[in-house]
Amino acid sequence: MLFGRQNYMLLVVGILCIIVGYTTMRIENEVDGFISLYISPLLILSGYLEIIYAILWRPRATQGEDQ
């Protein structure tokens, strides 16, 4: 299997961060609002970084497995 359960959970968290970021930006609906300028972009950026981390993350090999 290409991704494990942990990878999929990280992907879901990243996608939820992106959705929440865009939703909060839309809800405030102001160009100069605090949430639209500072909070939402941080949520969106963290969501994209979480997705990148989920794609690149691999579990450590245990001693019993061949490398």
N, C-alpha and C. Protein backbone atom coordinates (compact mmCIF):
# COMPACT_ATOMS: atom_id res chain seq x y z
N MET A 1 0.84 -1.17 0.00
CA MET A 1 0.00 0.00 0.00
C MET A 1 0.90 1.24 0.00
N LEU A 2 0.57 2.19 -0.83
CA LEU A 2 1.39 3.37 -0.98
C LEU A 2 1.38 4.25 0.26
N PHE A 3 0.21 4.57 0.77
CA PHE A 3 0.08 5.37 1.98
C PHE A 3 -0.50 4.52 3.09
N GLY A 4 -0.10 4.84 4.30
CA GLY A 4 -0.67 4.18 5.47
C GLY A 4 -1.81 4.99 6.04
N ARG A 5 -2.34 4.49 7.12
CA ARG A 5 -3.45 5.18 7.77
C ARG A 5 -3.04 6.57 8.27
N GLN A 6 -1.82 6.67 8.78
CA GLN A 6 -1.32 7.95 9.30
C GLN A 6 -1.25 8.99 8.19
N ASN A 7 -0.83 8.59 6.99
CA ASN A 7 -0.76 9.51 5.87
C ASN A 7 -2.14 10.05 5.50
N TYR A 8 -3.11 9.17 5.46
CA TYR A 8 -4.46 9.60 5.11
C TYR A 8 -5.06 10.53 6.17
N MET A 9 -4.76 10.25 7.43
CA MET A 9 -5.25 11.13 8.50
C MET A 9 -4.63 12.53 8.38
N LEU A 10 -3.34 12.59 8.06
CA LEU A 10 -2.68 13.88 7.88
C LEU A 10 -3.24 14.61 6.66
N LEU A 11 -3.55 13.88 5.60
CA LEU A 11 -4.16 14.49 4.42
C LEU A 11 -5.52 15.09 4.75
N VAL A 12 -6.31 14.38 5.51
CA VAL A 12 -7.64 14.87 5.88
C VAL A 12 -7.53 16.13 6.73
N VAL A 13 -6.59 16.14 7.67
CA VAL A 13 -6.39 17.32 8.51
C VAL A 13 -5.97 18.52 7.65
N GLY A 14 -5.09 18.29 6.68
CA GLY A 14 -4.66 19.37 5.80
C GLY A 14 -5.80 19.91 4.96
N ILE A 15 -6.61 19.03 4.42
CA ILE A 15 -7.75 19.47 3.61
C ILE A 15 -8.75 20.24 4.45
N LEU A 16 -8.98 19.78 5.69
CA LEU A 16 -9.90 20.50 6.58
C LEU A 16 -9.36 21.89 6.93
N CYS A 17 -8.05 22.02 7.12
CA CYS A 17 -7.46 23.34 7.39
C CYS A 17 -7.68 24.28 6.21
N ILE A 18 -7.52 23.78 5.01
CA ILE A 18 -7.72 24.60 3.82
C ILE A 18 -9.19 25.03 3.70
N ILE A 19 -10.09 24.10 3.93
CA ILE A 19 -11.52 24.42 3.85
C ILE A 19 -11.91 25.44 4.91
N VAL A 20 -11.43 25.27 6.13
CA VAL A 20 -11.73 26.23 7.19
C VAL A 20 -11.14 27.60 6.88
N GLY A 21 -9.93 27.63 6.32
CA GLY A 21 -9.31 28.90 5.97
C GLY A 21 -10.10 29.67 4.93
N TYR A 22 -10.49 28.99 3.85
CA TYR A 22 -11.29 29.67 2.82
C TYR A 22 -12.67 30.05 3.33
N THR A 23 -13.25 29.22 4.19
CA THR A 23 -14.58 29.53 4.74
C THR A 23 -14.54 30.75 5.64
N THR A 24 -13.54 30.83 6.49
CA THR A 24 -13.44 32.00 7.37
C THR A 24 -13.15 33.27 6.58
N MET A 25 -12.41 33.14 5.50
CA MET A 25 -12.16 34.30 4.65
C MET A 25 -13.46 34.77 4.01
N ARG A 26 -14.28 33.85 3.60
CA ARG A 26 -15.55 34.19 2.96
C ARG A 26 -16.57 34.72 3.96
N ILE A 27 -16.58 34.17 5.15
CA ILE A 27 -17.56 34.58 6.16
C ILE A 27 -17.33 36.03 6.58
N GLU A 28 -16.06 36.41 6.78
CA GLU A 28 -15.81 37.78 7.20
C GLU A 28 -16.14 38.76 6.09
N ASN A 29 -15.78 38.44 4.85
CA ASN A 29 -16.18 39.18 3.66
C ASN A 29 -15.74 40.65 3.70
N GLU A 30 -14.60 40.92 4.30
CA GLU A 30 -14.02 42.26 4.30
C GLU A 30 -12.61 42.17 3.75
N VAL A 31 -12.24 43.18 2.97
CA VAL A 31 -10.89 43.19 2.40
C VAL A 31 -9.86 43.51 3.47
N ASP A 32 -10.17 44.41 4.37
CA ASP A 32 -9.22 44.83 5.39
C ASP A 32 -9.47 44.22 6.75
N GLY A 33 -10.21 43.16 6.82
CA GLY A 33 -10.51 42.53 8.10
C GLY A 33 -9.32 41.76 8.65
N PHE A 34 -9.27 41.65 9.97
CA PHE A 34 -8.16 40.96 10.64
C PHE A 34 -8.11 39.48 10.27
N ILE A 35 -9.25 38.84 10.27
CA ILE A 35 -9.30 37.41 9.96
C ILE A 35 -8.94 37.16 8.50
N SER A 36 -9.44 37.99 7.60
CA SER A 36 -9.15 37.81 6.17
C SER A 36 -7.69 38.06 5.84
N LEU A 37 -7.04 38.94 6.57
CA LEU A 37 -5.65 39.28 6.26
C LEU A 37 -4.63 38.41 6.97
N TYR A 38 -4.94 37.92 8.17
CA TYR A 38 -3.93 37.24 8.97
C TYR A 38 -4.26 35.79 9.31
N ILE A 39 -5.46 35.53 9.76
CA ILE A 39 -5.80 34.19 10.25
C ILE A 39 -6.04 33.22 9.09
N SER A 40 -6.86 33.61 8.14
CA SER A 40 -7.20 32.72 7.03
C SER A 40 -5.99 32.32 6.18
N PRO A 41 -5.11 33.25 5.81
CA PRO A 41 -3.93 32.81 5.05
C PRO A 41 -3.02 31.86 5.83
N LEU A 42 -2.93 32.04 7.14
CA LEU A 42 -2.14 31.11 7.94
C LEU A 42 -2.77 29.72 7.97
N LEU A 43 -4.09 29.67 8.07
CA LEU A 43 -4.79 28.38 8.03
C LEU A 43 -4.59 27.69 6.68
N ILE A 44 -4.70 28.45 5.61
CA ILE A 44 -4.55 27.87 4.27
C ILE A 44 -3.11 27.38 4.05
N LEU A 45 -2.14 28.19 4.46
CA LEU A 45 -0.74 27.80 4.32
C LEU A 45 -0.43 26.56 5.15
N SER A 46 -0.94 26.52 6.37
CA SER A 46 -0.70 25.34 7.20
C SER A 46 -1.36 24.10 6.62
N GLY A 47 -2.50 24.26 5.98
CA GLY A 47 -3.15 23.12 5.33
C GLY A 47 -2.33 22.57 4.18
N TYR A 48 -1.79 23.46 3.35
CA TYR A 48 -0.96 23.01 2.24
C TYR A 48 0.34 22.36 2.74
N LEU A 49 0.94 22.93 3.77
CA LEU A 49 2.15 22.33 4.33
C LEU A 49 1.87 20.98 4.96
N GLU A 50 0.71 20.84 5.57
CA GLU A 50 0.31 19.56 6.15
C GLU A 50 0.14 18.50 5.07
N ILE A 51 -0.42 18.88 3.93
CA ILE A 51 -0.59 17.93 2.83
C ILE A 51 0.77 17.50 2.28
N ILE A 52 1.68 18.45 2.14
CA ILE A 52 3.03 18.10 1.67
C ILE A 52 3.71 17.16 2.65
N TYR A 53 3.58 17.44 3.93
CA TYR A 53 4.15 16.57 4.95
C TYR A 53 3.52 15.18 4.91
N ALA A 54 2.22 15.11 4.69
CA ALA A 54 1.53 13.81 4.64
C ALA A 54 2.00 12.99 3.45
N ILE A 55 2.30 13.65 2.35
CA ILE A 55 2.77 12.92 1.17
C ILE A 55 4.18 12.40 1.37
N LEU A 56 5.02 13.18 2.02
CA LEU A 56 6.43 12.81 2.18
C LEU A 56 6.71 11.94 3.40
N TRP A 57 5.77 11.84 4.35
CA TRP A 57 6.02 11.12 5.59
C TRP A 57 6.02 9.61 5.37
N ARG A 58 7.02 8.95 5.95
CA ARG A 58 7.09 7.49 5.94
C ARG A 58 7.37 7.00 7.35
N PRO A 59 6.75 5.90 7.73
CA PRO A 59 7.05 5.36 9.07
C PRO A 59 8.45 4.78 9.10
N ARG A 60 9.04 4.79 10.26
CA ARG A 60 10.38 4.21 10.41
C ARG A 60 10.30 2.69 10.33
N ALA A 61 11.32 2.11 9.73
CA ALA A 61 11.36 0.66 9.59
C ALA A 61 11.71 0.03 10.95
N THR A 62 11.04 -1.06 11.29
CA THR A 62 11.37 -1.76 12.53
C THR A 62 12.55 -2.68 12.30
N GLN A 63 13.09 -3.24 13.34
CA GLN A 63 14.28 -4.09 13.21
C GLN A 63 14.00 -5.37 12.45
N GLY A 64 12.82 -5.90 12.51
CA GLY A 64 12.50 -7.16 11.88
C GLY A 64 12.30 -7.06 10.37
N GLU A 65 12.10 -5.87 9.84
CA GLU A 65 11.85 -5.70 8.41
C GLU A 65 13.15 -5.52 7.63
N ASP A 66 13.16 -6.03 6.42
CA ASP A 66 14.31 -5.81 5.54
C ASP A 66 14.21 -4.43 4.95
N GLN A 67 15.35 -3.78 4.80
CA GLN A 67 15.33 -2.42 4.26
C GLN A 67 15.66 -2.40 2.82
